[in-house]
Amino acid sequence: MLVKKIVSTVDNFSPREQKRYQVICQIQTFLKEGCSYREIAKRMGISRRTVAKYRAGNPKELCESGINQSKLDVYKDEIIKCLHNGYSKSKTVKRLYSLGYRGAKSTAFDYLVKIERYKIQNFAPQPYVRTYTEGMKYKAGSKGKSADYITRAGIFQYLWMNDNQLTPEHKDYILKTYPMVWEILSCIRSFRNVFIRRSMPGLYLFIERYSNSAIPELKSFAKGLQRDIKAVENAVASDLSNGFVEGINSKLKMVKRTMYGRCSRKLLSAKMILRC
């Protein structure tokens, strides 16, 4: 059976996209007439997956290159509503499951990232308060949701990245209950200030202070700086760095490992050697 072509009404589209537009319109027309996927695929000489892919949606949007239909497209309006209402990604995914979504969580989170790029707006950060089920992983014997749970990862992010997910109450409790955390935080900030200000006296004061620290790891770190004092002094005083070289080395090793046993030397050299 010959299929009548639908005249393209799409401007500024490539010939390939115009052809896809005609196919999509024809698929949706057959579906409205009550044809099955198998029958449409047989008539048009395409696969049933293609029929399912373009079964619904705006043909002008679906025919654009790189546009794929997702199970979450039907929830797009609800997702955007959650975004504007200040929902976090986890809360939005739970909302989708309550509305009938049965796909994978990873697929849902990937779709939310696309929505963020489309709307140029980010979902609210995940609240740091843990539920009972999540809290049991970190603290056995919990009595329920009345308790507030703080993970090791959250403390590390606060120490190294000055993460603001911890509330002031969390920070005060940690620093008062565990003085060791305060000393580690002071050590990290002092060491960073040495390099930010390029202060040589600050380096010597840092080594002198933490060489007698009650924390063995900090004491060992200060002793190591003392042993390699010449290299450390150069690192503080000089603008030069071997970070670029180390980054290139890591990149080359990563390429080598991903290609091991799969590709030829010709492709390996093409990936690694810059050709003028």
Protein backbone atom coordinates (compact mmCIF):
# COMPACT_ATOMS: atom_id res chain seq x y z
CA MET A 1 0.00 0.00 0.00
CA LEU A 2 1.37 3.38 -0.99
CA VAL A 3 1.54 6.05 1.68
CA LYS A 4 0.54 9.54 0.65
CA LYS A 5 3.19 12.07 1.56
CA ILE A 6 2.21 14.97 3.78
CA VAL A 7 3.35 18.38 2.60
CA SER A 8 5.96 19.80 4.93
CA THR A 9 4.99 23.02 6.65
CA VAL A 10 8.19 23.30 8.66
CA ASP A 11 10.52 26.16 7.82
CA ASN A 12 14.30 26.26 8.36
CA PHE A 13 14.55 22.48 8.72
CA SER A 14 17.03 20.28 6.94
CA PRO A 15 15.75 17.80 4.31
CA ARG A 16 16.30 14.97 6.78
CA GLU A 17 14.21 16.71 9.45
CA GLN A 18 11.47 17.48 6.93
CA LYS A 19 11.35 13.81 5.96
CA ARG A 20 11.13 12.82 9.63
CA TYR A 21 8.33 15.35 10.09
CA GLN A 22 6.33 13.68 7.32
CA VAL A 23 6.87 10.26 8.88
CA ILE A 24 5.76 11.46 12.33
CA CYS A 25 2.60 13.07 10.95
CA GLN A 26 1.75 9.89 9.04
CA ILE A 27 2.30 7.71 12.14
CA GLN A 28 0.05 9.87 14.28
CA THR A 29 -2.60 9.94 11.54
CA PHE A 30 -2.67 6.13 11.35
CA LEU A 31 -2.91 5.90 15.14
CA LYS A 32 -5.91 8.21 15.16
CA GLU A 33 -7.53 5.90 12.59
CA GLY A 34 -7.09 2.99 15.01
CA CYS A 35 -4.23 1.14 13.31
CA SER A 36 -1.96 -1.05 15.43
CA TYR A 37 1.80 -0.60 15.76
CA ARG A 38 2.41 -3.75 13.73
CA GLU A 39 0.15 -2.61 10.90
CA ILE A 40 1.69 0.88 10.75
CA ALA A 41 5.20 -0.56 10.73
CA LYS A 42 4.28 -2.90 7.88
CA ARG A 43 2.64 -0.13 5.81
CA MET A 44 5.46 2.38 6.21
CA GLY A 45 8.42 0.00 6.24
CA ILE A 46 9.65 1.07 9.67
CA SER A 47 10.09 -0.67 13.02
CA ARG A 48 7.49 -0.78 15.77
CA ARG A 49 9.95 1.01 18.04
CA THR A 50 9.87 4.00 15.69
CA VAL A 51 6.08 3.98 15.82
CA ALA A 52 6.14 3.91 19.63
CA LYS A 53 8.78 6.65 19.72
CA TYR A 54 6.67 9.12 17.72
CA ARG A 55 3.22 8.01 18.90
CA ALA A 56 2.48 11.32 20.66
CA GLY A 57 3.79 14.84 20.85
CA ASN A 58 4.22 17.87 18.64
CA PRO A 59 5.63 16.71 15.25
CA LYS A 60 7.55 19.96 14.82
CA GLU A 61 9.41 19.32 18.09
CA LEU A 62 9.88 15.59 17.58
CA CYS A 63 11.38 15.98 14.13
CA GLU A 64 14.26 18.12 15.39
CA SER A 65 17.59 16.34 15.52
CA GLY A 66 18.45 15.03 18.95
CA ILE A 67 14.88 15.11 20.26
CA ASN A 68 13.77 11.81 21.81
CA GLN A 69 10.46 11.08 23.45
CA SER A 70 10.68 10.14 27.10
CA LYS A 71 8.26 8.48 29.50
CA LEU A 72 8.59 11.61 31.62
CA ASP A 73 7.33 13.99 28.92
CA VAL A 74 3.77 13.55 30.21
CA TYR A 75 4.94 14.82 33.62
CA LYS A 76 6.84 17.81 32.26
CA ASP A 77 4.29 20.40 33.42
CA GLU A 78 4.23 18.89 36.90
CA ILE A 79 8.06 18.86 37.05
CA ILE A 80 8.23 22.54 36.07
CA LYS A 81 5.61 23.28 38.73
CA CYS A 82 7.76 21.51 41.34
CA LEU A 83 10.79 23.49 40.14
CA HIS A 84 9.00 26.81 40.62
CA ASN A 85 7.66 25.73 44.04
CA GLY A 86 11.18 25.15 45.37
CA TYR A 87 11.16 21.34 45.43
CA SER A 88 14.41 19.39 45.59
CA LYS A 89 15.16 16.73 42.99
CA SER A 90 14.49 13.90 45.45
CA LYS A 91 11.15 15.39 46.46
CA THR A 92 10.23 15.90 42.79
CA VAL A 93 11.05 12.26 41.96
CA LYS A 94 8.89 11.08 44.87
CA ARG A 95 6.09 13.24 43.49
CA LEU A 96 6.46 11.60 40.06
CA TYR A 97 6.19 8.11 41.57
CA SER A 98 3.03 9.15 43.40
CA LEU A 99 1.56 10.25 40.05
CA GLY A 100 2.20 6.86 38.45
CA TYR A 101 5.74 6.99 37.09
CA ARG A 102 7.34 3.52 37.19
CA GLY A 103 10.70 4.11 35.52
CA ALA A 104 14.20 4.12 36.98
CA LYS A 105 15.29 6.81 39.43
CA SER A 106 18.45 7.51 37.43
CA THR A 107 16.31 8.23 34.34
CA ALA A 108 14.19 10.64 36.35
CA PHE A 109 17.19 12.49 37.76
CA ASP A 110 18.75 12.79 34.27
CA TYR A 111 15.48 14.23 32.99
CA LEU A 112 15.44 16.78 35.83
CA VAL A 113 18.92 17.93 34.81
CA LYS A 114 17.62 18.56 31.28
CA ILE A 115 14.72 20.55 32.73
CA GLU A 116 17.21 22.67 34.71
CA ARG A 117 19.14 23.47 31.53
CA TYR A 118 15.92 24.19 29.62
CA LYS A 119 14.51 26.54 32.27
CA ILE A 120 17.95 27.94 33.31
CA GLN A 121 16.95 27.35 36.92
CA ASN A 122 18.13 24.79 39.47
CA PHE A 123 16.06 22.69 41.82
CA ALA A 124 16.37 23.46 45.52
CA PRO A 125 19.22 21.63 47.31
CA GLN A 126 18.31 18.49 49.19
CA PRO A 127 17.57 19.29 52.87
CA TYR A 128 20.22 17.90 55.17
CA VAL A 129 17.79 16.47 57.74
CA ARG A 130 17.73 12.67 57.40
CA THR A 131 14.65 10.49 57.63
CA TYR A 132 14.49 7.57 60.02
CA THR A 133 15.35 5.00 57.34
CA GLU A 134 18.32 6.98 56.05
CA GLY A 135 19.50 7.82 59.53
CA MET A 136 19.64 4.18 60.58
CA LYS A 137 22.51 3.69 58.13
CA TYR A 138 24.66 6.11 60.09
CA LYS A 139 23.45 5.77 63.66
CA ALA A 140 22.07 2.54 65.06
CA GLY A 141 19.42 2.68 67.75
CA SER A 142 17.70 5.80 66.43
CA LYS A 143 14.33 6.66 67.97
CA GLY A 144 12.75 8.17 64.88
CA LYS A 145 12.37 11.41 62.98
CA SER A 146 12.85 13.56 66.07
CA ALA A 147 16.62 13.16 65.68
CA ASP A 148 18.86 15.06 63.24
CA TYR A 149 21.47 13.02 61.39
CA ILE A 150 24.80 14.30 60.08
CA THR A 151 26.96 12.10 57.85
CA ARG A 152 30.72 11.93 57.56
CA ALA A 153 30.40 13.09 53.97
CA GLY A 154 28.55 16.20 55.14
CA ILE A 155 31.31 17.02 57.64
CA PHE A 156 34.02 16.52 54.99
CA GLN A 157 32.20 18.85 52.59
CA TYR A 158 32.00 21.47 55.32
CA LEU A 159 35.71 21.15 56.14
CA TRP A 160 37.10 21.11 52.60
CA MET A 161 34.49 22.98 50.55
CA ASN A 162 32.83 25.19 53.19
CA ASP A 163 29.50 23.67 52.18
CA ASN A 164 26.49 25.60 53.43
CA GLN A 165 24.14 22.61 53.71
CA LEU A 166 24.97 22.37 57.41
CA THR A 167 22.85 24.68 59.52
CA PRO A 168 24.50 26.96 62.14
CA GLU A 169 23.06 24.65 64.82
CA HIS A 170 24.80 21.68 63.17
CA LYS A 171 28.13 23.52 63.04
CA ASP A 172 27.95 24.70 66.66
CA TYR A 173 27.10 21.20 67.87
CA ILE A 174 29.93 19.56 65.91
CA LEU A 175 32.61 22.06 66.92
CA LYS A 176 31.60 22.05 70.61
CA THR A 177 31.17 18.29 70.90
CA TYR A 178 34.26 17.35 68.88
CA PRO A 179 37.11 19.86 69.41
CA MET A 180 39.28 17.80 67.05
CA VAL A 181 37.07 18.90 64.12
CA TRP A 182 37.71 22.56 65.00
CA GLU A 183 41.49 21.98 65.02
CA ILE A 184 41.31 20.24 61.63
CA LEU A 185 39.23 23.09 60.22
CA SER A 186 41.74 25.66 61.52
CA CYS A 187 44.60 23.66 59.99
CA ILE A 188 42.94 23.54 56.56
CA ARG A 189 42.17 27.26 56.54
CA SER A 190 45.63 28.24 57.81
CA PHE A 191 47.35 26.15 55.15
CA ARG A 192 45.20 27.66 52.41
CA ASN A 193 45.95 31.18 53.63
CA VAL A 194 49.68 30.47 53.34
CA PHE A 195 49.28 29.87 49.59
CA ILE A 196 46.66 32.57 49.03
CA ARG A 197 48.85 35.26 50.64
CA ARG A 198 52.14 33.64 49.54
CA SER A 199 53.37 34.18 53.07
CA MET A 200 56.71 32.53 53.87
CA PRO A 201 56.55 33.51 57.58
CA GLY A 202 53.05 32.03 57.67
CA LEU A 203 54.48 28.75 56.38
CA TYR A 204 57.10 28.60 59.14
CA LEU A 205 54.50 29.44 61.80
CA PHE A 206 52.20 26.75 60.42
CA ILE A 207 54.94 24.09 60.62
CA GLU A 208 55.94 25.18 64.12
CA ARG A 209 52.36 25.16 65.36
CA TYR A 210 51.28 21.77 64.02
CA SER A 211 54.57 19.96 64.64
CA ASN A 212 53.38 19.68 68.26
CA SER A 213 49.73 18.94 67.48
CA ALA A 214 47.88 16.39 69.59
CA ILE A 215 46.44 14.89 66.39
CA PRO A 216 49.03 12.44 65.00
CA GLU A 217 48.01 12.97 61.36
CA LEU A 218 48.47 16.75 61.56
CA LYS A 219 51.78 16.30 63.33
CA SER A 220 52.97 13.91 60.60
CA PHE A 221 51.84 16.37 57.90
CA ALA A 222 53.82 19.22 59.47
CA LYS A 223 56.92 17.01 59.80
CA GLY A 224 56.62 16.10 56.13
CA LEU A 225 56.56 19.78 55.16
CA GLN A 226 59.68 20.32 57.27
CA ARG A 227 61.53 17.49 55.49
CA ASP A 228 60.71 18.93 52.03
CA ILE A 229 60.99 22.56 53.07
CA LYS A 230 62.84 23.69 49.92
CA ALA A 231 60.15 22.32 47.59
CA VAL A 232 57.38 23.74 49.79
CA GLU A 233 59.04 27.17 49.84
CA ASN A 234 59.23 27.18 46.05
CA ALA A 235 55.56 26.18 45.84
CA VAL A 236 54.56 29.07 48.10
CA ALA A 237 56.77 31.75 46.52
CA SER A 238 56.60 30.81 42.83
CA ASP A 239 53.73 31.32 40.38
CA LEU A 240 54.85 28.24 38.45
CA SER A 241 53.11 24.91 38.94
CA ASN A 242 53.36 21.41 37.56
CA GLY A 243 49.60 20.97 37.85
CA PHE A 244 49.15 21.22 34.08
CA VAL A 245 51.73 18.46 33.46
CA GLU A 246 50.17 16.20 36.10
CA GLY A 247 46.73 16.78 34.59
CA ILE A 248 47.94 15.79 31.13
CA ASN A 249 49.57 12.66 32.56
CA SER A 250 46.33 11.66 34.28
CA LYS A 251 44.39 12.23 31.07
CA LEU A 252 46.77 10.09 29.00
CA LYS A 253 46.64 7.27 31.55
CA MET A 254 42.84 7.41 31.56
CA VAL A 255 42.73 7.15 27.73
CA LYS A 256 45.18 4.26 27.82
CA ARG A 257 43.13 2.31 30.37
CA THR A 258 39.82 2.83 28.57
CA MET A 259 41.33 1.63 25.27
CA TYR A 260 43.26 -1.35 26.67
CA GLY A 261 42.44 -4.52 24.74
CA ARG A 262 39.85 -2.83 22.52
CA CYS A 263 41.59 -0.54 20.05
CA SER A 264 44.68 -0.45 17.88
CA ARG A 265 47.84 1.58 18.29
CA LYS A 266 46.74 3.81 15.41
CA LEU A 267 43.66 5.00 17.28
CA LEU A 268 45.67 5.36 20.50
CA SER A 269 48.14 7.70 18.78
CA ALA A 270 45.27 9.64 17.21
CA LYS A 271 43.82 10.26 20.68
CA MET A 272 47.12 11.19 22.32
CA ILE A 273 49.28 13.00 19.74
CA LEU A 274 48.47 16.58 18.73
CA ARG A 275 48.87 16.93 14.98
CA CYS A 276 49.62 20.35 13.53
